[in-house]
Amino acid sequence: MNRATNWVFLGDSITEGVGSLRATYVSELVNRLRAATSARAIHDMRLREVEPEFNRFIRVNLAGYLRKDERTHAPALWVWNLASEASTIESDRNWLPLLENLKPERVFIHRGSLESILRPACFRDGRWPFWIPRSWRGLVSMDPRCYFSDTPLRKSKQSLIDAMKQRARLRLLRDGAPKPLLDHEQILAHYDQLIKALRALPAAVTVLGLLPPDERTFPGSGAHFLALNARLGQLAATNGADFLDWHGRFTSPDAFYRDGFHPSPSGSARLAEILHARLTEQGAA
């Protein structure tokens, strides 16, 4: 090959990572790829759109780690993490103009988790009980915190507010008929359009299966995730894409943060190990 290779990851907060370090399975995969080769540099880049409400002067945020060493025997591998927290699958097609220019060899998609979490019925119909504060009524506003601050005062405040939110959220889930943000057919339709567009670039596409959340924090959502995984596997096969159903090998007491949804640093390392093994089997790593 006479040019650099580009791999792209699309997804939400599970792929982007949480916390100040944004540790995620993508960055852990980059570490494994770097450890496995001495022939080429591997760069880790992140790019996301900035909301105007956050900064009306800067519309994009670019960050990354350029590998500066003597690994120049082969063209570099650029790993682009385009995931963005609190975004849903339909937003991924906004990246297509960029991808048409990057011409990535591989694209990895991890979507459907945020869309498939069962939400209280009042989130869909807008009939919130009067006692639920307006600031709690957003898509993820009542979801449990991943972790608490190390500062005692902030930790106490965060713990108290989180406990109140979780008690209210679980009560709302019990009292009504919870529903996901998008049903399976809607998610599959978005996947179908996205995969077809990516295959036309052309790019090898890997669909990463959903990781069912902890039933203690998101009751009922696990079965919904597993049912969607089965459909995603079928859709990927129909469109000539690879499907990695990695949740069965992603089992350990500390795989998730306390919210039971976002992979912890050790969980991210485990996901990277599973994905790296798949890529090695395919001769790509």
Protein backbone atom coordinates (compact mmCIF):
# COMPACT_ATOMS: atom_id res chain seq x y z
CA MET A 1 0.00 0.00 0.00
CA ASN A 2 1.32 3.45 -0.88
CA ARG A 3 -0.87 5.56 1.40
CA ALA A 4 -1.96 5.72 5.01
CA THR A 5 -4.68 3.41 6.24
CA ASN A 6 -7.76 4.82 8.00
CA TRP A 7 -10.05 3.02 10.42
CA VAL A 8 -13.16 4.79 11.70
CA PHE A 9 -15.29 4.14 14.79
CA LEU A 10 -18.88 5.40 14.99
CA GLY A 11 -20.93 5.33 18.16
CA ASP A 12 -22.06 7.08 21.32
CA SER A 13 -20.57 7.45 24.80
CA ILE A 14 -19.58 3.76 25.03
CA THR A 15 -17.25 4.29 22.08
CA GLU A 16 -16.26 7.88 22.89
CA GLY A 17 -15.52 7.06 26.52
CA VAL A 18 -16.53 8.87 29.70
CA GLY A 19 -14.66 10.98 32.21
CA SER A 20 -11.76 13.36 31.65
CA LEU A 21 -9.52 10.65 30.18
CA ARG A 22 -12.22 9.31 27.82
CA ALA A 23 -10.77 5.82 28.25
CA THR A 24 -12.53 3.50 25.83
CA TYR A 25 -12.07 0.24 23.98
CA VAL A 26 -10.86 2.23 20.95
CA SER A 27 -7.90 3.76 22.78
CA GLU A 28 -7.18 0.38 24.38
CA LEU A 29 -7.23 -1.23 20.92
CA VAL A 30 -4.74 1.37 19.69
CA ASN A 31 -2.43 0.45 22.56
CA ARG A 32 -2.63 -3.22 21.58
CA LEU A 33 -2.00 -2.47 17.92
CA ARG A 34 1.05 -0.38 18.81
CA ALA A 35 2.41 -3.14 21.03
CA ALA A 36 1.92 -5.72 18.27
CA THR A 37 3.83 -3.96 15.47
CA SER A 38 7.18 -2.29 14.97
CA ALA A 39 6.60 -1.57 11.30
CA ARG A 40 4.33 1.47 11.28
CA ALA A 41 3.10 4.38 13.35
CA ILE A 42 -0.46 4.21 14.66
CA HIS A 43 -2.22 7.50 15.33
CA ASP A 44 -5.28 7.91 17.55
CA MET A 45 -7.56 10.82 16.56
CA ARG A 46 -10.89 12.10 17.89
CA LEU A 47 -13.19 14.47 16.07
CA ARG A 48 -16.65 15.63 17.09
CA GLU A 49 -19.03 18.46 16.29
CA VAL A 50 -19.39 21.11 18.99
CA GLU A 51 -22.89 22.31 19.80
CA PRO A 52 -23.42 26.06 19.20
CA GLU A 53 -24.86 26.37 22.71
CA PHE A 54 -21.48 25.24 24.05
CA ASN A 55 -19.30 27.46 21.87
CA ARG A 56 -20.64 29.56 19.01
CA PHE A 57 -17.16 30.26 17.62
CA ILE A 58 -15.70 26.75 17.53
CA ARG A 59 -17.79 24.17 15.67
CA VAL A 60 -15.48 21.14 15.84
CA ASN A 61 -13.22 19.65 18.46
CA LEU A 62 -10.13 17.76 17.30
CA ALA A 63 -7.87 15.89 19.67
CA GLY A 64 -5.49 13.01 19.30
CA TYR A 65 -2.16 11.39 19.81
CA LEU A 66 0.31 11.36 16.91
CA ARG A 67 2.85 8.59 17.24
CA LYS A 68 6.31 10.11 16.75
CA ASP A 69 8.95 7.42 16.49
CA GLU A 70 10.92 5.47 13.92
CA ARG A 71 8.04 3.24 12.86
CA THR A 72 8.06 4.45 9.27
CA HIS A 73 8.68 1.20 7.40
CA ALA A 74 5.03 1.10 6.32
CA PRO A 75 2.28 3.72 5.88
CA ALA A 76 0.73 4.79 9.16
CA LEU A 77 -2.59 3.58 10.48
CA TRP A 78 -4.93 6.42 11.51
CA VAL A 79 -7.66 5.37 13.94
CA TRP A 80 -10.49 7.93 13.95
CA ASN A 81 -12.93 7.89 16.86
CA LEU A 82 -15.95 9.89 15.66
CA ALA A 83 -18.27 8.76 18.46
CA SER A 84 -20.17 11.36 20.46
CA GLU A 85 -22.02 10.96 23.74
CA ALA A 86 -25.79 11.50 23.85
CA SER A 87 -26.02 11.14 20.07
CA THR A 88 -28.17 8.60 18.27
CA ILE A 89 -27.62 6.48 15.20
CA GLU A 90 -29.18 8.82 12.64
CA SER A 91 -26.42 11.36 13.33
CA ASP A 92 -23.74 9.00 11.98
CA ARG A 93 -24.70 9.65 8.36
CA ASN A 94 -23.58 13.26 8.88
CA TRP A 95 -20.02 11.94 8.76
CA LEU A 96 -20.37 10.52 5.23
CA PRO A 97 -18.88 13.57 3.42
CA LEU A 98 -15.77 13.28 5.61
CA LEU A 99 -15.58 9.52 5.14
CA GLU A 100 -15.84 9.88 1.37
CA ASN A 101 -12.58 11.84 1.57
CA LEU A 102 -10.87 9.71 4.22
CA LYS A 103 -11.75 6.56 2.25
CA PRO A 104 -11.43 4.32 5.33
CA GLU A 105 -10.55 0.69 4.83
CA ARG A 106 -12.58 -0.30 7.90
CA VAL A 107 -15.52 1.22 9.77
CA PHE A 108 -16.74 -0.07 13.13
CA ILE A 109 -20.26 0.71 14.35
CA HIS A 110 -21.41 0.39 17.94
CA ARG A 111 -24.93 1.82 18.08
CA GLY A 112 -28.32 1.07 19.57
CA SER A 113 -27.47 1.06 23.27
CA LEU A 114 -28.72 4.56 24.05
CA GLU A 115 -31.70 4.03 21.76
CA SER A 116 -32.67 0.67 23.33
CA ILE A 117 -32.62 1.52 27.05
CA LEU A 118 -36.17 1.25 28.38
CA ARG A 119 -37.38 4.68 29.43
CA PRO A 120 -40.42 5.59 31.59
CA ALA A 121 -43.60 6.02 29.56
CA CYS A 122 -43.79 9.68 30.57
CA PHE A 123 -40.60 10.34 28.63
CA ARG A 124 -42.44 9.47 25.40
CA ASP A 125 -45.86 10.97 26.12
CA GLY A 126 -44.67 14.01 28.11
CA ARG A 127 -47.04 13.30 31.01
CA TRP A 128 -44.52 13.70 33.79
CA PRO A 129 -45.68 13.65 37.41
CA PHE A 130 -45.63 17.13 38.89
CA TRP A 131 -43.01 16.09 41.43
CA ILE A 132 -40.35 15.32 38.79
CA PRO A 133 -38.14 18.43 38.35
CA ARG A 134 -37.92 19.71 34.78
CA SER A 135 -34.14 19.36 34.83
CA TRP A 136 -34.60 15.60 35.30
CA ARG A 137 -36.73 15.08 32.20
CA GLY A 138 -34.02 14.87 29.51
CA LEU A 139 -33.05 11.67 27.70
CA VAL A 140 -30.22 10.71 30.07
CA SER A 141 -30.87 13.17 32.91
CA MET A 142 -32.09 10.47 35.29
CA ASP A 143 -29.60 7.78 34.35
CA PRO A 144 -27.29 6.73 37.20
CA ARG A 145 -23.89 8.39 37.46
CA CYS A 146 -20.90 6.38 36.29
CA TYR A 147 -18.91 7.38 39.36
CA PHE A 148 -18.70 10.04 42.04
CA SER A 149 -16.15 12.76 42.70
CA ASP A 150 -13.20 12.08 45.00
CA THR A 151 -13.84 15.36 46.78
CA PRO A 152 -15.88 14.57 49.94
CA LEU A 153 -18.31 17.49 49.66
CA ARG A 154 -19.00 17.00 45.96
CA LYS A 155 -19.28 13.26 46.43
CA SER A 156 -21.90 13.70 49.16
CA LYS A 157 -23.95 16.04 46.97
CA GLN A 158 -23.66 13.79 43.91
CA SER A 159 -24.56 10.68 45.92
CA LEU A 160 -27.66 12.30 47.40
CA ILE A 161 -28.97 13.64 44.08
CA ASP A 162 -28.23 10.37 42.29
CA ALA A 163 -30.06 8.36 44.96
CA MET A 164 -33.11 10.60 44.60
CA LYS A 165 -33.06 10.29 40.82
CA GLN A 166 -32.73 6.51 40.86
CA ARG A 167 -35.55 6.07 43.34
CA ALA A 168 -37.79 8.23 41.14
CA ARG A 169 -36.69 6.59 37.88
CA LEU A 170 -37.23 3.03 39.09
CA ARG A 171 -40.64 3.99 40.44
CA LEU A 172 -41.62 5.48 37.06
CA LEU A 173 -40.42 2.33 35.29
CA ARG A 174 -42.59 0.16 37.56
CA ASP A 175 -45.69 2.32 37.31
CA GLY A 176 -45.93 2.64 33.52
CA ALA A 177 -45.18 0.73 30.34
CA PRO A 178 -41.53 1.57 29.65
CA LYS A 179 -40.43 1.94 26.04
CA PRO A 180 -37.10 2.53 24.28
CA LEU A 181 -36.28 5.72 22.42
CA LEU A 182 -36.40 3.79 19.12
CA ASP A 183 -37.93 0.39 18.44
CA HIS A 184 -36.01 -2.37 16.68
CA GLU A 185 -37.38 -1.63 13.23
CA GLN A 186 -36.31 2.03 13.43
CA ILE A 187 -32.80 1.13 14.57
CA LEU A 188 -32.45 -1.56 11.91
CA ALA A 189 -33.58 0.85 9.20
CA HIS A 190 -30.87 3.33 10.23
CA TYR A 191 -28.26 0.55 10.33
CA ASP A 192 -29.31 -0.67 6.89
CA GLN A 193 -28.92 2.80 5.34
CA LEU A 194 -25.63 3.43 7.10
CA ILE A 195 -24.05 0.08 6.23
CA LYS A 196 -25.07 0.37 2.58
CA ALA A 197 -23.52 3.86 2.38
CA LEU A 198 -20.31 2.68 4.04
CA ARG A 199 -20.02 -0.41 1.84
CA ALA A 200 -20.32 1.85 -1.21
CA LEU A 201 -17.22 3.88 -0.20
CA PRO A 202 -16.08 1.03 -0.23
CA ALA A 203 -15.18 -0.01 3.32
CA ALA A 204 -15.18 -3.21 5.33
CA VAL A 205 -17.84 -2.75 8.01
CA THR A 206 -17.90 -4.39 11.44
CA VAL A 207 -21.07 -4.11 13.50
CA LEU A 208 -20.29 -4.44 17.21
CA GLY A 209 -23.09 -6.04 19.20
CA LEU A 210 -24.84 -4.32 22.09
CA LEU A 211 -23.67 -4.92 25.65
CA PRO A 212 -26.76 -5.65 27.79
CA PRO A 213 -26.75 -3.37 30.84
CA ASP A 214 -27.08 -4.46 34.45
CA GLU A 215 -30.68 -5.37 35.31
CA ARG A 216 -30.31 -3.72 38.70
CA THR A 217 -29.87 -0.29 37.13
CA PHE A 218 -31.77 -0.76 33.86
CA PRO A 219 -34.46 -3.37 34.55
CA GLY A 220 -35.90 -5.02 31.45
CA SER A 221 -33.42 -3.51 29.02
CA GLY A 222 -31.13 -6.55 28.84
CA ALA A 223 -33.63 -8.76 27.01
CA HIS A 224 -34.36 -5.90 24.62
CA PHE A 225 -30.64 -5.63 23.81
CA LEU A 226 -30.25 -9.37 23.18
CA ALA A 227 -33.23 -9.43 20.84
CA LEU A 228 -31.79 -6.53 18.84
CA ASN A 229 -28.38 -8.22 18.67
CA ALA A 230 -29.95 -11.21 16.92
CA ARG A 231 -31.54 -8.93 14.33
CA LEU A 232 -28.31 -6.94 13.87
CA GLY A 233 -26.40 -10.14 13.13
CA GLN A 234 -28.87 -11.03 10.40
CA LEU A 235 -28.80 -7.51 8.92
CA ALA A 236 -24.99 -7.42 8.89
CA ALA A 237 -24.84 -10.75 7.04
CA THR A 238 -27.37 -9.54 4.48
CA ASN A 239 -25.26 -6.44 3.77
CA GLY A 240 -21.90 -8.21 3.64
CA ALA A 241 -20.72 -6.78 6.96
CA ASP A 242 -18.99 -8.51 9.84
CA PHE A 243 -20.84 -8.86 13.15
CA LEU A 244 -19.04 -9.28 16.47
CA ASP A 245 -21.37 -10.39 19.25
CA TRP A 246 -18.87 -9.82 22.03
CA HIS A 247 -21.12 -9.54 25.07
CA GLY A 248 -20.85 -13.24 25.94
CA ARG A 249 -17.11 -12.87 26.58
CA PHE A 250 -17.56 -9.56 28.38
CA THR A 251 -18.33 -10.85 31.86
CA SER A 252 -16.59 -9.80 35.05
CA PRO A 253 -17.69 -8.10 38.28
CA ASP A 254 -15.88 -4.87 37.39
CA ALA A 255 -16.66 -4.76 33.66
CA PHE A 256 -18.94 -1.74 34.07
CA TYR A 257 -18.87 1.47 36.04
CA ARG A 258 -21.44 1.71 38.84
CA ASP A 259 -24.16 2.66 36.33
CA GLY A 260 -24.05 -0.85 34.88
CA PHE A 261 -23.98 0.61 31.36
CA HIS A 262 -20.62 2.20 30.50
CA PRO A 263 -17.57 -0.12 30.40
CA SER A 264 -15.02 0.57 33.12
CA PRO A 265 -11.29 0.85 32.29
CA SER A 266 -10.92 -2.91 32.83
CA GLY A 267 -14.06 -3.52 30.78
CA SER A 268 -12.72 -1.36 27.95
CA ALA A 269 -9.48 -3.33 28.03
CA ARG A 270 -11.44 -6.57 27.76
CA LEU A 271 -13.44 -5.28 24.79
CA ALA A 272 -10.22 -4.21 23.08
CA GLU A 273 -8.79 -7.68 23.69
CA ILE A 274 -11.83 -9.32 22.08
CA LEU A 275 -11.82 -6.96 19.09
CA HIS A 276 -8.06 -7.29 18.62
CA ALA A 277 -8.42 -11.08 18.56
CA ARG A 278 -11.10 -10.83 15.85
CA LEU A 279 -8.94 -8.50 13.75
CA THR A 280 -5.97 -10.81 14.17
CA GLU A 281 -8.07 -13.75 12.96
CA GLN A 282 -9.01 -11.70 9.90
CA GLY A 283 -5.37 -10.77 9.23
CA ALA A 284 -5.99 -7.07 9.82
CA ALA A 285 -3.96 -6.64 13.00
